[in-house]
């Protein structure tokens, strides 16, 4: 299996941090985290088999 971190884009992860709420509920932070995970996975250039493996891992963790 390839290293999944090799496929993460080289752009800073926290570029949009200024748009986040200054104080948020636990549910709001969970939604922000889910959006970050979804965006990162969408930006990865993975073959279908690897993409399925990544999606299943995050679905199992409740992050997709």
N, C-alpha and C. Protein backbone atom coordinates (compact mmCIF):
# COMPACT_ATOMS: atom_id res chain seq x y z
N UNK A 1 0.84 -1.18 0.00
CA UNK A 1 0.00 0.00 0.00
C UNK A 1 0.88 1.24 0.00
N UNK A 2 0.50 2.23 -0.79
CA UNK A 2 1.27 3.47 -0.84
C UNK A 2 1.01 4.31 0.41
N UNK A 3 1.90 5.22 0.68
CA UNK A 3 1.73 6.14 1.80
C UNK A 3 0.67 7.18 1.41
N UNK A 4 -0.44 7.23 2.13
CA UNK A 4 -1.54 8.15 1.81
C UNK A 4 -1.12 9.61 1.92
N UNK A 5 -0.14 9.90 2.77
CA UNK A 5 0.29 11.29 2.94
C UNK A 5 0.99 11.83 1.70
N UNK A 6 1.47 10.94 0.83
CA UNK A 6 2.12 11.38 -0.40
C UNK A 6 1.15 12.07 -1.34
N UNK A 7 -0.15 11.82 -1.17
CA UNK A 7 -1.16 12.36 -2.08
C UNK A 7 -1.82 13.63 -1.57
N UNK A 8 -1.48 14.07 -0.37
CA UNK A 8 -2.09 15.28 0.18
C UNK A 8 -1.48 16.48 -0.54
N UNK A 9 -2.33 17.40 -0.98
CA UNK A 9 -1.82 18.59 -1.68
C UNK A 9 -0.86 19.37 -0.80
N UNK A 10 0.06 20.05 -1.41
CA UNK A 10 1.08 20.80 -0.67
C UNK A 10 0.61 22.20 -0.28
N UNK A 11 -0.68 22.46 -0.33
CA UNK A 11 -1.20 23.76 0.09
C UNK A 11 -1.42 23.76 1.59
N UNK A 12 -1.26 24.91 2.23
CA UNK A 12 -1.47 24.97 3.68
C UNK A 12 -2.90 24.55 4.05
N UNK A 13 -3.02 23.71 5.02
CA UNK A 13 -4.31 23.17 5.44
C UNK A 13 -5.20 24.22 6.09
N UNK A 14 -4.60 25.18 6.75
CA UNK A 14 -5.39 26.14 7.52
C UNK A 14 -5.58 27.48 6.82
N UNK A 15 -5.56 27.50 5.49
CA UNK A 15 -5.77 28.74 4.75
C UNK A 15 -7.07 29.43 5.12
N UNK A 16 -8.13 28.68 5.34
CA UNK A 16 -9.43 29.27 5.59
C UNK A 16 -9.73 29.53 7.05
N UNK A 17 -8.72 29.45 7.91
CA UNK A 17 -8.96 29.58 9.35
C UNK A 17 -9.59 30.92 9.73
N UNK A 18 -9.34 31.97 8.98
CA UNK A 18 -9.93 33.27 9.29
C UNK A 18 -11.45 33.27 9.11
N UNK A 19 -11.96 32.34 8.32
CA UNK A 19 -13.39 32.25 8.07
C UNK A 19 -14.12 31.43 9.14
N UNK A 20 -13.37 30.76 9.99
CA UNK A 20 -13.99 29.92 11.00
C UNK A 20 -14.54 30.78 12.14
N UNK A 21 -15.56 30.30 12.82
CA UNK A 21 -16.10 31.07 13.94
C UNK A 21 -15.10 31.18 15.08
N UNK A 22 -15.13 32.30 15.79
CA UNK A 22 -14.20 32.50 16.91
C UNK A 22 -14.56 31.59 18.08
N UNK A 23 -15.83 31.36 18.28
CA UNK A 23 -16.27 30.38 19.26
C UNK A 23 -17.35 29.55 18.58
N UNK A 24 -17.33 28.27 18.81
CA UNK A 24 -18.27 27.39 18.12
C UNK A 24 -18.67 26.25 19.05
N UNK A 25 -19.80 25.70 18.75
CA UNK A 25 -20.24 24.54 19.51
C UNK A 25 -19.44 23.32 19.05
N UNK A 26 -19.54 22.27 19.79
CA UNK A 26 -18.87 21.03 19.44
C UNK A 26 -19.35 20.53 18.07
N UNK A 27 -20.66 20.66 17.83
CA UNK A 27 -21.23 20.24 16.56
C UNK A 27 -20.68 21.05 15.40
N UNK A 28 -20.52 22.37 15.59
CA UNK A 28 -19.97 23.22 14.53
C UNK A 28 -18.52 22.84 14.22
N UNK A 29 -17.71 22.55 15.24
CA UNK A 29 -16.33 22.16 15.01
C UNK A 29 -16.26 20.82 14.29
N UNK A 30 -17.20 19.92 14.63
CA UNK A 30 -17.23 18.63 13.95
C UNK A 30 -17.54 18.83 12.46
N UNK A 31 -18.47 19.72 12.14
CA UNK A 31 -18.79 20.01 10.74
C UNK A 31 -17.59 20.62 10.01
N UNK A 32 -16.86 21.50 10.66
CA UNK A 32 -15.65 22.09 10.07
C UNK A 32 -14.63 20.99 9.78
N UNK A 33 -14.45 20.08 10.73
CA UNK A 33 -13.51 18.97 10.56
C UNK A 33 -13.92 18.08 9.40
N UNK A 34 -15.21 17.77 9.32
CA UNK A 34 -15.70 16.95 8.21
C UNK A 34 -15.45 17.62 6.87
N UNK A 35 -15.67 18.93 6.80
CA UNK A 35 -15.43 19.65 5.54
C UNK A 35 -13.95 19.61 5.16
N UNK A 36 -13.07 19.78 6.15
CA UNK A 36 -11.63 19.70 5.89
C UNK A 36 -11.24 18.32 5.35
N UNK A 37 -11.77 17.28 5.97
CA UNK A 37 -11.47 15.92 5.53
C UNK A 37 -11.98 15.70 4.11
N UNK A 38 -13.23 16.10 3.84
CA UNK A 38 -13.80 15.92 2.51
C UNK A 38 -13.02 16.68 1.45
N UNK A 39 -12.65 17.92 1.74
CA UNK A 39 -11.89 18.73 0.79
C UNK A 39 -10.53 18.11 0.50
N UNK A 40 -9.86 17.65 1.55
CA UNK A 40 -8.54 17.05 1.37
C UNK A 40 -8.62 15.79 0.53
N UNK A 41 -9.60 14.94 0.81
CA UNK A 41 -9.76 13.71 0.03
C UNK A 41 -10.08 14.04 -1.42
N UNK A 42 -10.95 15.03 -1.64
CA UNK A 42 -11.30 15.42 -3.01
C UNK A 42 -10.09 15.90 -3.80
N UNK A 43 -9.12 16.53 -3.11
CA UNK A 43 -7.95 17.08 -3.79
C UNK A 43 -6.86 16.04 -4.03
N UNK A 44 -7.00 14.86 -3.44
CA UNK A 44 -6.01 13.80 -3.64
C UNK A 44 -6.19 13.20 -5.03
N UNK A 45 -5.09 12.83 -5.62
CA UNK A 45 -5.13 12.19 -6.94
C UNK A 45 -4.89 10.69 -6.74
N UNK A 46 -5.96 9.98 -6.35
CA UNK A 46 -5.84 8.56 -6.05
C UNK A 46 -6.53 7.71 -7.11
N UNK A 47 -6.02 6.51 -7.29
CA UNK A 47 -6.70 5.57 -8.17
C UNK A 47 -7.96 5.09 -7.44
N UNK A 48 -8.94 4.54 -8.15
CA UNK A 48 -10.22 4.16 -7.54
C UNK A 48 -10.09 3.21 -6.34
N UNK A 49 -9.18 2.26 -6.41
CA UNK A 49 -9.02 1.31 -5.30
C UNK A 49 -8.52 2.01 -4.04
N UNK A 50 -7.53 2.89 -4.20
CA UNK A 50 -7.00 3.62 -3.05
C UNK A 50 -8.04 4.60 -2.51
N UNK A 51 -8.80 5.24 -3.40
CA UNK A 51 -9.83 6.17 -2.97
C UNK A 51 -10.88 5.44 -2.14
N UNK A 52 -11.27 4.26 -2.56
CA UNK A 52 -12.24 3.46 -1.82
C UNK A 52 -11.71 3.12 -0.43
N UNK A 53 -10.44 2.78 -0.36
CA UNK A 53 -9.82 2.44 0.92
C UNK A 53 -9.81 3.64 1.86
N UNK A 54 -9.46 4.81 1.33
CA UNK A 54 -9.43 6.03 2.13
C UNK A 54 -10.84 6.38 2.60
N UNK A 55 -11.80 6.33 1.68
CA UNK A 55 -13.19 6.65 2.05
C UNK A 55 -13.70 5.72 3.14
N UNK A 56 -13.43 4.43 3.01
CA UNK A 56 -13.90 3.47 4.02
C UNK A 56 -13.28 3.75 5.38
N UNK A 57 -12.02 4.13 5.41
CA UNK A 57 -11.36 4.45 6.68
C UNK A 57 -12.02 5.65 7.35
N UNK A 58 -12.31 6.69 6.58
CA UNK A 58 -12.92 7.88 7.16
C UNK A 58 -14.40 7.67 7.48
N UNK A 59 -15.09 6.87 6.70
CA UNK A 59 -16.49 6.55 7.01
C UNK A 59 -16.53 5.75 8.32
N UNK A 60 -15.61 4.82 8.48
CA UNK A 60 -15.54 4.04 9.70
C UNK A 60 -15.25 4.88 10.93
N UNK A 61 -14.51 5.97 10.73
CA UNK A 61 -14.19 6.87 11.84
C UNK A 61 -15.30 7.92 12.05
N UNK A 62 -16.30 7.90 11.18
CA UNK A 62 -17.40 8.86 11.31
C UNK A 62 -17.08 10.24 10.78
N UNK A 63 -16.08 10.35 9.94
CA UNK A 63 -15.67 11.66 9.43
C UNK A 63 -16.14 11.92 8.02
N UNK A 64 -16.89 11.01 7.43
CA UNK A 64 -17.49 11.24 6.09
C UNK A 64 -18.93 10.82 6.13
